Amino acid sequence: MKVFLSWSGTNSRKIATAFHDWLPYVIQAANPFMSAGDIEKGKPWSATLATELGEVKYGIICITQDNFRDPWINFEAGAISKAIAVSNVSPFLFNVEPARIQGPLTQFQFTANSKEDIFSLIRSINSKLPGDQQVTNEVLSKEFETWWPKLADELNKVAALPAGTGTGLDWLYTVDALAEIQSDLGCKCVWFITPDLYRNALIGKTKNAIRKNLGQGTNYEFIIPQSGAVNPKEVLLQLAESTSGKIDINDNIPADEFRSLAVTDYLIMNAESGEPQVFLELPVPERGYWIKVEPEAAMGLRIRFSKYVQKPK
């Protein structure tokens, strides 16, 4: 029986490959297919995929932090659901909360990244085999227990990889992905340049990452414009209470000067030592997407903003 493995992005492909190589050990009648290595060079991709989907009886969609918003993964999910019964498709959520999934993927029964859920997935695949190819639950359980360490090891390797981009693209980041990168890098100094602390700083994962890093001794510098309104900087300062880290805020820059200084939001990691990593939010109507600046430009931006950093009194 042909089992289609859908993926999008580096980590998703590694997960699909792990299932591709592991599944036949547990269910010998399973014939996994994924577009990365199973389409011969020179063959038209779309035609081959269409042919393969016509023969597929089960589909596994590998969902990660990188790709759950990716239009391609949703497009392929739609194509799979048209080719086979919805009940024969399961998105495998690799450390992604089900509540974050929207769109076409919500019509399917999710499989979580746990031994119990993965065994339930295997039982479901086994139940879709022709009667003479199915194995008893007892045999299936023994095969699963024998080969489970092999899959678990591969999935653990993927989990240990650096945080992804959150978009399925290597060059485009979400603010949630940047929060995870801040935590993983163990930065000693971070500069945040923004006209609106509640847009990217005082939200969900970013706020949690700031609190965590402050507890580990990270120093944060926030550069924001003057404002006649009540400024939420007190909320920031509360995050630093009872931590070994420190927060400084420069809110003395006139609004016009700030607009000429910063055309968008900037996040500078390792701001005062070594080679900084600089990310900027794309100044487009649909906010929330960031790109990483090349090293030479990153050094230039660090110099640009350094004169606005609060100096020790």
Foldseek 3Di string as FASTA:
>chain_A
DEEEEAAFADLRVLLSVLCQVQVCLLQVPYHYDYQPPRDDPPDDSVVVVLVSLLVHAAYEYEDELAALVEPVSLVVLVVNCVNYPLARYEYEYLPDDPVPHDDPNVSHHYQYPDLVSVLVNSVSVLVSDPPVRHDDPVSSVVSCVVRVVSSVVSSVVSVPDQQAQSHSDRFKHFLLSVLSNLQVVLFQEKEKEAQDCVPRQPDDSNVVSLLVSQQVNHEYEYEYEADPDDDPVVVVQVSNPPHNYYYHYQHHHHPVRSCVLDVFIKMWTNLPDDQIWIKTWPPDPPTGMIGIDDRVVSVVNSVSCVVRTDDDD
